[in-house]
Amino acid sequence: MSKPATWPFTAHDTRNRTRNMALFADPGFVKKMLDKILTGLSAFIIGTISTLGYGGVVLMMAIESACIPLPSEVIMPFSGFLVASGRFNLQIVAIMGAIGCLLGSYLAYYVGAHGGRRFIERYGRYLLIAPHELEVADRFFERWGSLAVFLSRMLPVIRTFIAFPAGVARMKLLPFTIYTLIGSYIWCLVLAYAGMKLGQHWDELAPYFHRFDAVIAIILVVAIGALIYNRIKSIRAAQTSAH
């Protein structure tokens, strides 16, 4: 049977799609692509901080904390290198980094508290989020929010996104501010100090942190997968018992 005239894909298109899918399944190709992205981000970060000074540190860390994965593992060690070169002061760098984290976290917090919460209340069922789970999150952040925010500010990957769920749960703003600042200051100080000690070799830190990033990302994916599986299983069990 001949294909309709409106058939959207030719054999050439199909071969291209298959070849592209094979490329993305190749770990070596994916690693090269990620390395190119990281190189571009690093150049952007270095150029911004070199031009804007302390203001660049604030800006870069604000972006990193607003749920945009800009690597603080590049921002703060490079700033530490500038401490070693005499351009920056270590304590001021750490404080500027913490202030940037707080500003970016405020943005993510308010998005979560207003638009994010309304979105979940309205469409959460499509994401397998039950209404009572917002109440569970509220109670969690009311009881453990300060500790969760403090510890999360010192964990790669998680630190970038913690402000959004804190906003969705409407954690009290004062403890959110205090513990975001303290946790971020410690994180920024440690990274900047390491960069200062390594000097011109500050960029050797990044690969070690990226391995840790990958471990945390895998743990999060597994946890989310288990949560979705259990939720679907519960829904099916409820439907079976209803019948």
C-alpha atoms as a PDB file:
ATOM      1  CA  MET A   1       0.000   0.000   0.000  1.00  0.00           C
ATOM      2  CA  SER A   2       1.376   3.409  -0.937  1.00  0.00           C
ATOM      3  CA  LYS A   3       1.802   6.075   1.722  1.00  0.00           C
ATOM      4  CA  PRO A   4      -0.636   8.990   1.731  1.00  0.00           C
ATOM      5  CA  ALA A   5       0.540  12.208   0.145  1.00  0.00           C
ATOM      6  CA  THR A   6       0.486  13.858   3.576  1.00  0.00           C
ATOM      7  CA  TRP A   7       2.867  11.322   5.129  1.00  0.00           C
ATOM      8  CA  PRO A   8       5.015  13.558   7.396  1.00  0.00           C
ATOM      9  CA  PHE A   9       8.302  11.660   7.415  1.00  0.00           C
ATOM     10  CA  THR A  10      10.509  10.385   4.592  1.00  0.00           C
ATOM     11  CA  ALA A  11      12.897   7.458   4.958  1.00  0.00           C
ATOM     12  CA  HIS A  12      15.708  10.029   5.168  1.00  0.00           C
ATOM     13  CA  ASP A  13      13.921  11.802   8.053  1.00  0.00           C
ATOM     14  CA  THR A  14      13.475   8.512   9.872  1.00  0.00           C
ATOM     15  CA  ARG A  15      17.185   7.671   9.527  1.00  0.00           C
ATOM     16  CA  ASN A  16      18.102  11.119  10.854  1.00  0.00           C
ATOM     17  CA  ARG A  17      15.788  10.741  13.855  1.00  0.00           C
ATOM     18  CA  THR A  18      17.209   7.298  14.598  1.00  0.00           C
ATOM     19  CA  ARG A  19      20.787   8.601  14.329  1.00  0.00           C
ATOM     20  CA  ASN A  20      19.990  11.553  16.637  1.00  0.00           C
ATOM     21  CA  MET A  21      18.396   9.265  19.219  1.00  0.00           C
ATOM     22  CA  ALA A  22      21.484   7.047  19.110  1.00  0.00           C
ATOM     23  CA  LEU A  23      23.711  10.070  19.687  1.00  0.00           C
ATOM     24  CA  PHE A  24      21.801  11.120  22.804  1.00  0.00           C
ATOM     25  CA  ALA A  25      21.975   7.547  24.084  1.00  0.00           C
ATOM     26  CA  ASP A  26      25.779   7.626  23.777  1.00  0.00           C
ATOM     27  CA  PRO A  27      27.321   8.604  27.172  1.00  0.00           C
ATOM     28  CA  GLY A  28      30.404   9.996  25.444  1.00  0.00           C
ATOM     29  CA  PHE A  29      28.341  12.325  23.274  1.00  0.00           C
ATOM     30  CA  VAL A  30      26.254  13.476  26.231  1.00  0.00           C
ATOM     31  CA  LYS A  31      29.413  14.151  28.277  1.00  0.00           C
ATOM     32  CA  LYS A  32      30.927  16.204  25.448  1.00  0.00           C
ATOM     33  CA  MET A  33      27.706  18.198  25.111  1.00  0.00           C
ATOM     34  CA  LEU A  34      27.546  18.873  28.851  1.00  0.00           C
ATOM     35  CA  ASP A  35      31.228  19.873  28.869  1.00  0.00           C
ATOM     36  CA  LYS A  36      30.551  22.408  26.098  1.00  0.00           C
ATOM     37  CA  ILE A  37      27.612  23.835  28.039  1.00  0.00           C
ATOM     38  CA  LEU A  38      29.677  24.070  31.228  1.00  0.00           C
ATOM     39  CA  THR A  39      32.548  25.718  29.351  1.00  0.00           C
ATOM     40  CA  GLY A  40      30.166  28.344  27.974  1.00  0.00           C
ATOM     41  CA  LEU A  41      28.619  28.963  31.401  1.00  0.00           C
ATOM     42  CA  SER A  42      32.070  29.227  32.977  1.00  0.00           C
ATOM     43  CA  ALA A  43      33.143  31.813  30.414  1.00  0.00           C
ATOM     44  CA  PHE A  44      29.961  33.800  31.098  1.00  0.00           C
ATOM     45  CA  ILE A  45      30.509  33.646  34.872  1.00  0.00           C
ATOM     46  CA  ILE A  46      34.181  34.614  34.669  1.00  0.00           C
ATOM     47  CA  GLY A  47      33.449  37.495  32.318  1.00  0.00           C
ATOM     48  CA  THR A  48      30.619  38.831  34.489  1.00  0.00           C
ATOM     49  CA  ILE A  49      32.569  38.719  37.754  1.00  0.00           C
ATOM     50  CA  SER A  50      35.701  40.135  36.110  1.00  0.00           C
ATOM     51  CA  THR A  51      33.648  43.074  34.797  1.00  0.00           C
ATOM     52  CA  LEU A  52      31.260  43.755  37.689  1.00  0.00           C
ATOM     53  CA  GLY A  53      33.439  42.760  40.644  1.00  0.00           C
ATOM     54  CA  TYR A  54      31.497  42.040  43.838  1.00  0.00           C
ATOM     55  CA  GLY A  55      28.285  42.974  42.036  1.00  0.00           C
ATOM     56  CA  GLY A  56      28.970  40.126  39.612  1.00  0.00           C
ATOM     57  CA  VAL A  57      29.247  37.691  42.530  1.00  0.00           C
ATOM     58  CA  VAL A  58      25.874  38.870  43.856  1.00  0.00           C
ATOM     59  CA  LEU A  59      24.272  38.627  40.418  1.00  0.00           C
ATOM     60  CA  MET A  60      25.626  35.159  39.604  1.00  0.00           C
ATOM     61  CA  MET A  61      24.659  33.685  42.975  1.00  0.00           C
ATOM     62  CA  ALA A  62      21.209  35.295  42.755  1.00  0.00           C
ATOM     63  CA  ILE A  63      20.634  33.582  39.405  1.00  0.00           C
ATOM     64  CA  GLU A  64      21.920  30.283  40.821  1.00  0.00           C
ATOM     65  CA  SER A  65      19.474  30.457  43.737  1.00  0.00           C
ATOM     66  CA  ALA A  66      16.445  31.370  41.619  1.00  0.00           C
ATOM     67  CA  CYS A  67      15.996  27.779  40.386  1.00  0.00           C
ATOM     68  CA  ILE A  68      18.380  28.414  37.476  1.00  0.00           C
ATOM     69  CA  PRO A  69      21.248  25.864  37.616  1.00  0.00           C
ATOM     70  CA  LEU A  70      24.197  28.202  37.230  1.00  0.00           C
ATOM     71  CA  PRO A  71      27.117  26.395  38.931  1.00  0.00           C
ATOM     72  CA  SER A  72      28.187  27.998  42.192  1.00  0.00           C
ATOM     73  CA  GLU A  73      31.090  25.514  41.996  1.00  0.00           C
ATOM     74  CA  VAL A  74      32.479  27.871  39.337  1.00  0.00           C
ATOM     75  CA  ILE A  75      31.243  31.211  40.723  1.00  0.00           C
ATOM     76  CA  MET A  76      32.739  31.047  44.207  1.00  0.00           C
ATOM     77  CA  PRO A  77      36.064  29.258  43.505  1.00  0.00           C
ATOM     78  CA  PHE A  78      36.814  31.782  40.739  1.00  0.00           C
ATOM     79  CA  SER A  79      35.986  34.554  43.219  1.00  0.00           C
ATOM     80  CA  GLY A  80      38.384  32.852  45.646  1.00  0.00           C
ATOM     81  CA  PHE A  81      41.074  32.939  42.960  1.00  0.00           C
ATOM     82  CA  LEU A  82      40.515  36.699  42.716  1.00  0.00           C
ATOM     83  CA  VAL A  83      41.013  36.834  46.502  1.00  0.00           C
ATOM     84  CA  ALA A  84      44.390  35.127  46.042  1.00  0.00           C
ATOM     85  CA  SER A  85      45.289  37.617  43.307  1.00  0.00           C
ATOM     86  CA  GLY A  86      44.536  40.511  45.675  1.00  0.00           C
ATOM     87  CA  ARG A  87      41.456  41.874  43.911  1.00  0.00           C
ATOM     88  CA  PHE A  88      38.827  40.591  46.370  1.00  0.00           C
ATOM     89  CA  ASN A  89      38.550  40.104  50.139  1.00  0.00           C
ATOM     90  CA  LEU A  90      37.542  36.602  51.278  1.00  0.00           C
ATOM     91  CA  GLN A  91      34.930  37.642  53.852  1.00  0.00           C
ATOM     92  CA  ILE A  92      33.360  40.214  51.544  1.00  0.00           C
ATOM     93  CA  VAL A  93      33.186  37.616  48.737  1.00  0.00           C
ATOM     94  CA  ALA A  94      31.394  35.146  51.054  1.00  0.00           C
ATOM     95  CA  ILE A  95      28.970  37.832  52.251  1.00  0.00           C
ATOM     96  CA  MET A  96      28.238  39.028  48.711  1.00  0.00           C
ATOM     97  CA  GLY A  97      27.643  35.427  47.649  1.00  0.00           C
ATOM     98  CA  ALA A  98      25.233  34.893  50.557  1.00  0.00           C
ATOM     99  CA  ILE A  99      23.362  38.108  49.745  1.00  0.00           C
ATOM    100  CA  GLY A 100      23.044  36.979  46.127  1.00  0.00           C
ATOM    101  CA  CYS A 101      21.693  33.614  47.294  1.00  0.00           C
ATOM    102  CA  LEU A 102      19.127  35.358  49.476  1.00  0.00           C
ATOM    103  CA  LEU A 103      17.928  37.653  46.684  1.00  0.00           C
ATOM    104  CA  GLY A 104      17.543  34.785  44.228  1.00  0.00           C
ATOM    105  CA  SER A 105      15.866  32.657  46.887  1.00  0.00           C
ATOM    106  CA  TYR A 106      13.346  35.428  47.593  1.00  0.00           C
ATOM    107  CA  LEU A 107      12.319  35.358  43.937  1.00  0.00           C
ATOM    108  CA  ALA A 108      11.866  31.566  43.939  1.00  0.00           C
ATOM    109  CA  TYR A 109      10.092  31.755  47.328  1.00  0.00           C
ATOM    110  CA  TYR A 110       7.531  34.301  46.170  1.00  0.00           C
ATOM    111  CA  VAL A 111       6.900  32.453  42.908  1.00  0.00           C
ATOM    112  CA  GLY A 112       6.265  29.316  44.949  1.00  0.00           C
ATOM    113  CA  ALA A 113       4.105  31.092  47.542  1.00  0.00           C
ATOM    114  CA  HIS A 114       1.821  32.715  44.986  1.00  0.00           C
ATOM    115  CA  GLY A 115       1.773  31.304  41.468  1.00  0.00           C
ATOM    116  CA  GLY A 116       3.302  27.956  42.409  1.00  0.00           C
ATOM    117  CA  ARG A 117       0.847  27.175  45.186  1.00  0.00           C
ATOM    118  CA  ARG A 118      -2.191  28.186  43.127  1.00  0.00           C
ATOM    119  CA  PHE A 119      -0.923  26.066  40.228  1.00  0.00           C
ATOM    120  CA  ILE A 120      -0.526  22.993  42.450  1.00  0.00           C
ATOM    121  CA  GLU A 121      -3.918  23.549  44.096  1.00  0.00           C
ATOM    122  CA  ARG A 122      -5.550  23.703  40.689  1.00  0.00           C
ATOM    123  CA  TYR A 123      -3.547  21.239  38.600  1.00  0.00           C
ATOM    124  CA  GLY A 124      -1.719  19.159  41.207  1.00  0.00           C
ATOM    125  CA  ARG A 125      -3.939  16.131  40.587  1.00  0.00           C
ATOM    126  CA  TYR A 126      -2.510  15.900  37.077  1.00  0.00           C
ATOM    127  CA  LEU A 127       0.972  15.728  38.631  1.00  0.00           C
ATOM    128  CA  LEU A 128      -0.175  13.058  41.111  1.00  0.00           C
ATOM    129  CA  ILE A 129      -0.093  15.575  43.987  1.00  0.00           C
ATOM    130  CA  ALA A 130      -3.054  15.098  46.301  1.00  0.00           C
ATOM    131  CA  PRO A 131      -4.586  18.179  48.018  1.00  0.00           C
ATOM    132  CA  HIS A 132      -3.731  16.897  51.505  1.00  0.00           C
ATOM    133  CA  GLU A 133      -0.040  16.730  50.552  1.00  0.00           C
ATOM    134  CA  LEU A 134       0.131  20.514  50.521  1.00  0.00           C
ATOM    135  CA  GLU A 135      -0.986  20.396  54.142  1.00  0.00           C
ATOM    136  CA  VAL A 136       1.721  17.810  54.857  1.00  0.00           C
ATOM    137  CA  ALA A 137       4.306  20.104  53.252  1.00  0.00           C
ATOM    138  CA  ASP A 138       2.996  23.044  55.285  1.00  0.00           C
ATOM    139  CA  ARG A 139       3.387  21.086  58.516  1.00  0.00           C
ATOM    140  CA  PHE A 140       6.857  19.852  57.518  1.00  0.00           C
ATOM    141  CA  PHE A 141       8.183  23.353  56.824  1.00  0.00           C
ATOM    142  CA  GLU A 142       6.479  24.690  59.953  1.00  0.00           C
ATOM    143  CA  ARG A 143       8.300  22.116  62.086  1.00  0.00           C
ATOM    144  CA  TRP A 144      11.511  21.374  60.167  1.00  0.00           C
ATOM    145  CA  GLY A 145      11.726  24.226  57.662  1.00  0.00           C
ATOM    146  CA  SER A 146      14.619  26.044  59.329  1.00  0.00           C
ATOM    147  CA  LEU A 147      16.794  22.923  59.445  1.00  0.00           C
ATOM    148  CA  ALA A 148      15.770  21.855  55.914  1.00  0.00           C
ATOM    149  CA  VAL A 149      16.622  25.251  54.427  1.00  0.00           C
ATOM    150  CA  PHE A 150      19.907  25.513  56.344  1.00  0.00           C
ATOM    151  CA  LEU A 151      21.159  22.062  55.293  1.00  0.00           C
ATOM    152  CA  SER A 152      19.848  22.366  51.723  1.00  0.00           C
ATOM    153  CA  ARG A 153      21.831  25.551  51.154  1.00  0.00           C
ATOM    154  CA  MET A 154      24.992  23.450  51.469  1.00  0.00           C
ATOM    155  CA  LEU A 155      23.943  20.628  49.122  1.00  0.00           C
ATOM    156  CA  PRO A 156      24.600  20.791  45.364  1.00  0.00           C
ATOM    157  CA  VAL A 157      21.491  20.623  43.139  1.00  0.00           C
ATOM    158  CA  ILE A 158      19.074  20.780  46.095  1.00  0.00           C
ATOM    159  CA  ARG A 159      20.322  24.240  47.131  1.00  0.00           C
ATOM    160  CA  THR A 160      19.234  25.635  43.758  1.00  0.00           C
ATOM    161  CA  PHE A 161      15.603  24.582  44.198  1.00  0.00           C
ATOM    162  CA  ILE A 162      14.822  24.530  47.949  1.00  0.00           C
ATOM    163  CA  ALA A 163      13.351  28.054  48.029  1.00  0.00           C
ATOM    164  CA  PHE A 164      10.476  27.164  45.696  1.00  0.00           C
ATOM    165  CA  PRO A 165       8.934  24.393  47.866  1.00  0.00           C
ATOM    166  CA  ALA A 166       9.566  26.549  50.944  1.00  0.00           C
ATOM    167  CA  GLY A 167       7.460  29.231  49.264  1.00  0.00           C
ATOM    168  CA  VAL A 168       4.768  26.753  48.217  1.00  0.00           C
ATOM    169  CA  ALA A 169       4.535  25.625  51.847  1.00  0.00           C
ATOM    170  CA  ARG A 170       4.547  29.301  52.900  1.00  0.00           C
ATOM    171  CA  MET A 171       7.336  28.889  55.404  1.00  0.00           C
ATOM    172  CA  LYS A 172       7.661  31.919  57.682  1.00  0.00           C
ATOM    173  CA  LEU A 173       9.808  34.522  55.964  1.00  0.00           C
ATOM    174  CA  LEU A 174      12.035  35.476  58.916  1.00  0.00           C
ATOM    175  CA  PRO A 175      13.465  31.997  59.618  1.00  0.00           C
ATOM    176  CA  PHE A 176      13.670  31.386  55.866  1.00  0.00           C
ATOM    177  CA  THR A 177      15.787  34.535  55.553  1.00  0.00           C
ATOM    178  CA  ILE A 178      18.030  33.786  58.526  1.00  0.00           C
ATOM    179  CA  TYR A 179      18.804  30.179  57.642  1.00  0.00           C
ATOM    180  CA  THR A 180      19.192  30.894  53.945  1.00  0.00           C
ATOM    181  CA  LEU A 181      21.794  33.535  54.786  1.00  0.00           C
ATOM    182  CA  ILE A 182      23.689  31.353  57.283  1.00  0.00           C
ATOM    183  CA  GLY A 183      23.741  28.238  55.106  1.00  0.00           C
ATOM    184  CA  SER A 184      24.627  30.210  51.988  1.00  0.00           C
ATOM    185  CA  TYR A 185      27.421  32.090  53.770  1.00  0.00           C
ATOM    186  CA  ILE A 186      29.038  28.822  54.874  1.00  0.00           C
ATOM    187  CA  TRP A 187      28.745  27.330  51.360  1.00  0.00           C
ATOM    188  CA  CYS A 188      30.151  30.450  49.708  1.00  0.00           C
ATOM    189  CA  LEU A 189      32.985  30.797  52.230  1.00  0.00           C
ATOM    190  CA  VAL A 190      34.091  27.165  51.831  1.00  0.00           C
ATOM    191  CA  LEU A 191      34.097  27.334  48.025  1.00  0.00           C
ATOM    192  CA  ALA A 192      35.822  30.727  47.916  1.00  0.00           C
ATOM    193  CA  TYR A 193      38.446  29.576  50.433  1.00  0.00           C
ATOM    194  CA  ALA A 194      39.142  26.467  48.351  1.00  0.00           C
ATOM    195  CA  GLY A 195      39.490  28.616  45.234  1.00  0.00           C
ATOM    196  CA  MET A 196      41.826  30.969  47.075  1.00  0.00           C
ATOM    197  CA  LYS A 197      44.070  28.095  48.188  1.00  0.00           C
ATOM    198  CA  LEU A 198      44.148  26.526  44.730  1.00  0.00           C
ATOM    199  CA  GLY A 199      44.944  29.845  43.067  1.00  0.00           C
ATOM    200  CA  GLN A 200      45.294  29.486  39.308  1.00  0.00           C
ATOM    201  CA  HIS A 201      44.157  25.866  39.602  1.00  0.00           C
ATOM    202  CA  TRP A 202      40.768  26.847  41.076  1.00  0.00           C
ATOM    203  CA  ASP A 203      38.923  25.202  38.179  1.00  0.00           C
ATOM    204  CA  GLU A 204      40.133  21.769  39.296  1.00  0.00           C
ATOM    205  CA  LEU A 205      37.369  21.797  41.919  1.00  0.00           C
ATOM    206  CA  ALA A 206      34.497  21.667  39.439  1.00  0.00           C
ATOM    207  CA  PRO A 207      34.859  18.024  38.263  1.00  0.00           C
ATOM    208  CA  TYR A 208      34.712  16.742  41.863  1.00  0.00           C
ATOM    209  CA  PHE A 209      31.548  18.697  42.602  1.00  0.00           C
ATOM    210  CA  HIS A 210      29.952  17.575  39.340  1.00  0.00           C
ATOM    211  CA  ARG A 211      30.383  13.957  40.390  1.00  0.00           C
ATOM    212  CA  PHE A 212      28.570  14.791  43.618  1.00  0.00           C
ATOM    213  CA  ASP A 213      25.891  16.608  41.581  1.00  0.00           C
ATOM    214  CA  ALA A 214      25.368  13.457  39.520  1.00  0.00           C
ATOM    215  CA  VAL A 215      24.959  11.294  42.649  1.00  0.00           C
ATOM    216  CA  ILE A 216      22.364  13.645  44.139  1.00  0.00           C
ATOM    217  CA  ALA A 217      20.543  13.915  40.799  1.00  0.00           C
ATOM    218  CA  ILE A 218      20.332  10.105  40.584  1.00  0.00           C
ATOM    219  CA  ILE A 219      19.032   9.871  44.144  1.00  0.00           C
ATOM    220  CA  LEU A 220      16.379  12.496  43.378  1.00  0.00           C
ATOM    221  CA  VAL A 221      15.303  10.740  40.167  1.00  0.00           C
ATOM    222  CA  VAL A 222      15.011   7.392  41.990  1.00  0.00           C
ATOM    223  CA  ALA A 223      13.062   9.006  44.843  1.00  0.00           C
ATOM    224  CA  ILE A 224      10.671  10.764  42.464  1.00  0.00           C
ATOM    225  CA  GLY A 225      10.238   7.550  40.451  1.00  0.00           C
ATOM    226  CA  ALA A 226       9.419   5.602  43.636  1.00  0.00           C
ATOM    227  CA  LEU A 227       6.952   8.297  44.699  1.00  0.00           C
ATOM    228  CA  ILE A 228       5.185   8.224  41.323  1.00  0.00           C
ATOM    229  CA  TYR A 229       5.082   4.413  41.341  1.00  0.00           C
ATOM    230  CA  ASN A 230       3.565   4.302  44.836  1.00  0.00           C
ATOM    231  CA  ARG A 231       1.059   6.992  43.936  1.00  0.00           C
ATOM    232  CA  ILE A 232      -0.114   5.170  40.798  1.00  0.00           C
ATOM    233  CA  LYS A 233      -0.303   1.938  42.780  1.00  0.00           C
ATOM    234  CA  SER A 234      -2.445   3.633  45.453  1.00  0.00           C
ATOM    235  CA  ILE A 235      -4.770   5.156  42.844  1.00  0.00           C
ATOM    236  CA  ARG A 236      -5.274   1.789  41.137  1.00  0.00           C
ATOM    237  CA  ALA A 237      -5.904   0.080  44.488  1.00  0.00           C
ATOM    238  CA  ALA A 238      -8.489   2.743  45.362  1.00  0.00           C
ATOM    239  CA  GLN A 239     -10.197   2.316  41.975  1.00  0.00           C
ATOM    240  CA  THR A 240     -10.270  -1.490  42.409  1.00  0.00           C
ATOM    241  CA  SER A 241     -11.813  -1.268  45.874  1.00  0.00           C
ATOM    242  CA  ALA A 242     -14.400   1.216  44.610  1.00  0.00           C
ATOM    243  CA  HIS A 243     -15.580  -1.310  42.027  1.00  0.00           C
END
